[in-house]
């Protein structure tokens, strides 16, 4: 969980959710053994360590090597996953304090 005032934590948590959605899409569209799927899997499973710039660069390189149609399908599926089930992102957010409305 992260606190909204912790910008670094917010970025890491949201990035993690994005990479997990991207991994699910890559697995479905490209298959388990594709190099892009493997690269995204590494980034998606960085639970205890921050997603490093190196992981992001590798994923970007793999995405750029894909055919335009495959890349578009992959990113569309990732976006759809995040839009359809925003709870995966919202579950990570905990406000600083609960405020009552009078």
C-alpha atoms as a PDB file:
ATOM      1  CA  UNK A   1       0.000   0.000   0.000  1.00  0.00           C
ATOM      2  CA  UNK A   2       1.132   3.539  -0.503  1.00  0.00           C
ATOM      3  CA  UNK A   3       0.355   6.931   0.877  1.00  0.00           C
ATOM      4  CA  UNK A   4      -0.590   9.527  -1.753  1.00  0.00           C
ATOM      5  CA  UNK A   5       1.952  11.935  -0.237  1.00  0.00           C
ATOM      6  CA  UNK A   6       4.676   9.400  -1.078  1.00  0.00           C
ATOM      7  CA  UNK A   7       5.144  10.255  -4.757  1.00  0.00           C
ATOM      8  CA  UNK A   8       7.912   7.708  -5.205  1.00  0.00           C
ATOM      9  CA  UNK A   9       5.733   4.986  -3.691  1.00  0.00           C
ATOM     10  CA  UNK A  10       2.803   5.990  -5.893  1.00  0.00           C
ATOM     11  CA  UNK A  11       4.955   5.769  -9.005  1.00  0.00           C
ATOM     12  CA  UNK A  12       6.331   2.349  -8.054  1.00  0.00           C
ATOM     13  CA  UNK A  13       2.915   0.927  -7.172  1.00  0.00           C
ATOM     14  CA  UNK A  14       1.247   2.241 -10.330  1.00  0.00           C
ATOM     15  CA  UNK A  15       4.197   1.162 -12.458  1.00  0.00           C
ATOM     16  CA  UNK A  16       3.972  -2.294 -10.957  1.00  0.00           C
ATOM     17  CA  UNK A  17       0.272  -2.533 -11.831  1.00  0.00           C
ATOM     18  CA  UNK A  18       0.959  -1.332 -15.373  1.00  0.00           C
ATOM     19  CA  UNK A  19       3.694  -3.918 -15.911  1.00  0.00           C
ATOM     20  CA  UNK A  20       1.481  -6.677 -14.486  1.00  0.00           C
ATOM     21  CA  UNK A  21      -1.300  -5.741 -16.923  1.00  0.00           C
ATOM     22  CA  UNK A  22       1.240  -5.536 -19.754  1.00  0.00           C
ATOM     23  CA  UNK A  23       2.562  -8.971 -18.795  1.00  0.00           C
ATOM     24  CA  UNK A  24      -0.925 -10.525 -18.878  1.00  0.00           C
ATOM     25  CA  UNK A  25      -1.483  -9.013 -22.322  1.00  0.00           C
ATOM     26  CA  UNK A  26       1.938 -10.128 -23.598  1.00  0.00           C
ATOM     27  CA  UNK A  27       1.379 -13.650 -22.338  1.00  0.00           C
ATOM     28  CA  UNK A  28      -1.995 -13.794 -24.082  1.00  0.00           C
ATOM     29  CA  UNK A  29      -0.918 -12.194 -27.363  1.00  0.00           C
ATOM     30  CA  UNK A  30       2.740 -13.173 -27.705  1.00  0.00           C
ATOM     31  CA  UNK A  31       2.983 -16.328 -25.598  1.00  0.00           C
ATOM     32  CA  UNK A  32       5.177 -17.305 -22.658  1.00  0.00           C
ATOM     33  CA  UNK A  33       8.394 -17.797 -24.594  1.00  0.00           C
ATOM     34  CA  UNK A  34       8.495 -14.490 -26.483  1.00  0.00           C
ATOM     35  CA  UNK A  35      11.405 -12.245 -25.471  1.00  0.00           C
ATOM     36  CA  UNK A  36       9.047  -9.310 -24.901  1.00  0.00           C
ATOM     37  CA  UNK A  37       6.884 -11.385 -22.547  1.00  0.00           C
ATOM     38  CA  UNK A  38       9.974 -12.455 -20.600  1.00  0.00           C
ATOM     39  CA  UNK A  39      11.243  -8.856 -20.312  1.00  0.00           C
ATOM     40  CA  UNK A  40       7.859  -7.587 -19.125  1.00  0.00           C
ATOM     41  CA  UNK A  41       7.629 -10.461 -16.639  1.00  0.00           C
ATOM     42  CA  UNK A  42      10.875  -9.349 -14.995  1.00  0.00           C
ATOM     43  CA  UNK A  43       9.575  -5.796 -14.642  1.00  0.00           C
ATOM     44  CA  UNK A  44       6.154  -6.984 -13.451  1.00  0.00           C
ATOM     45  CA  UNK A  45       7.623  -9.092 -10.659  1.00  0.00           C
ATOM     46  CA  UNK A  46       9.781  -6.449  -9.018  1.00  0.00           C
ATOM     47  CA  UNK A  47       7.813  -6.578  -5.755  1.00  0.00           C
ATOM     48  CA  UNK A  48      10.550  -5.910  -3.241  1.00  0.00           C
ATOM     49  CA  UNK A  49      12.902  -3.892  -5.396  1.00  0.00           C
ATOM     50  CA  UNK A  50      11.985  -0.766  -7.295  1.00  0.00           C
ATOM     51  CA  UNK A  51      11.453  -1.154 -11.004  1.00  0.00           C
ATOM     52  CA  UNK A  52      14.791  -0.011 -12.313  1.00  0.00           C
ATOM     53  CA  UNK A  53      15.451   2.155 -15.320  1.00  0.00           C
ATOM     54  CA  UNK A  54      17.292  -0.831 -16.827  1.00  0.00           C
ATOM     55  CA  UNK A  55      14.125  -2.951 -16.738  1.00  0.00           C
ATOM     56  CA  UNK A  56      12.113  -0.168 -18.348  1.00  0.00           C
ATOM     57  CA  UNK A  57      14.698   0.274 -21.119  1.00  0.00           C
ATOM     58  CA  UNK A  58      14.663  -3.460 -21.883  1.00  0.00           C
ATOM     59  CA  UNK A  59      10.859  -3.506 -22.055  1.00  0.00           C
ATOM     60  CA  UNK A  60      10.835  -0.424 -24.296  1.00  0.00           C
ATOM     61  CA  UNK A  61      13.393  -2.016 -26.620  1.00  0.00           C
ATOM     62  CA  UNK A  62      11.340  -5.205 -26.837  1.00  0.00           C
ATOM     63  CA  UNK A  63       8.158  -3.247 -27.532  1.00  0.00           C
ATOM     64  CA  UNK A  64       9.857  -1.248 -30.290  1.00  0.00           C
ATOM     65  CA  UNK A  65      11.017  -4.458 -31.973  1.00  0.00           C
ATOM     66  CA  UNK A  66       7.433  -5.673 -32.328  1.00  0.00           C
ATOM     67  CA  UNK A  67       5.439  -5.256 -35.493  1.00  0.00           C
ATOM     68  CA  UNK A  68       3.243  -2.138 -35.213  1.00  0.00           C
ATOM     69  CA  UNK A  69       0.061  -4.222 -35.226  1.00  0.00           C
ATOM     70  CA  UNK A  70       1.267  -6.492 -32.431  1.00  0.00           C
ATOM     71  CA  UNK A  71       2.495  -3.559 -30.341  1.00  0.00           C
ATOM     72  CA  UNK A  72      -0.819  -1.732 -30.799  1.00  0.00           C
ATOM     73  CA  UNK A  73      -2.794  -4.851 -29.852  1.00  0.00           C
ATOM     74  CA  UNK A  74      -0.610  -5.387 -26.796  1.00  0.00           C
ATOM     75  CA  UNK A  75      -0.938  -1.817 -25.539  1.00  0.00           C
ATOM     76  CA  UNK A  76      -4.667  -1.745 -26.321  1.00  0.00           C
ATOM     77  CA  UNK A  77      -5.193  -4.920 -24.279  1.00  0.00           C
ATOM     78  CA  UNK A  78      -3.093  -3.496 -21.428  1.00  0.00           C
ATOM     79  CA  UNK A  79      -5.104  -0.269 -21.433  1.00  0.00           C
ATOM     80  CA  UNK A  80      -8.378  -2.166 -21.577  1.00  0.00           C
ATOM     81  CA  UNK A  81      -7.327  -4.300 -18.620  1.00  0.00           C
ATOM     82  CA  UNK A  82      -6.509  -1.266 -16.498  1.00  0.00           C
ATOM     83  CA  UNK A  83      -9.704   0.565 -17.491  1.00  0.00           C
ATOM     84  CA  UNK A  84     -11.932  -2.473 -17.006  1.00  0.00           C
ATOM     85  CA  UNK A  85     -10.547  -3.276 -13.570  1.00  0.00           C
ATOM     86  CA  UNK A  86      -9.223  -0.082 -11.976  1.00  0.00           C
ATOM     87  CA  UNK A  87      -9.537  -1.729  -8.569  1.00  0.00           C
ATOM     88  CA  UNK A  88      -6.056  -3.182  -9.060  1.00  0.00           C
ATOM     89  CA  UNK A  89      -4.721   0.362  -8.928  1.00  0.00           C
ATOM     90  CA  UNK A  90      -7.198   1.769  -6.421  1.00  0.00           C
ATOM     91  CA  UNK A  91      -6.466  -1.033  -3.933  1.00  0.00           C
ATOM     92  CA  UNK A  92      -2.957   0.363  -3.613  1.00  0.00           C
ATOM     93  CA  UNK A  93      -4.096   3.830  -2.559  1.00  0.00           C
ATOM     94  CA  UNK A  94      -4.693   4.683   1.062  1.00  0.00           C
ATOM     95  CA  UNK A  95      -5.404   8.307   1.923  1.00  0.00           C
ATOM     96  CA  UNK A  96      -3.329   9.964   4.630  1.00  0.00           C
ATOM     97  CA  UNK A  97      -6.297  10.114   6.914  1.00  0.00           C
ATOM     98  CA  UNK A  98      -9.979   9.425   6.766  1.00  0.00           C
ATOM     99  CA  UNK A  99     -11.951  12.639   6.542  1.00  0.00           C
ATOM    100  CA  UNK A 100     -15.559  12.712   7.558  1.00  0.00           C
ATOM    101  CA  UNK A 101     -18.086  14.649   5.565  1.00  0.00           C
ATOM    102  CA  UNK A 102     -20.612  16.542   7.653  1.00  0.00           C
END
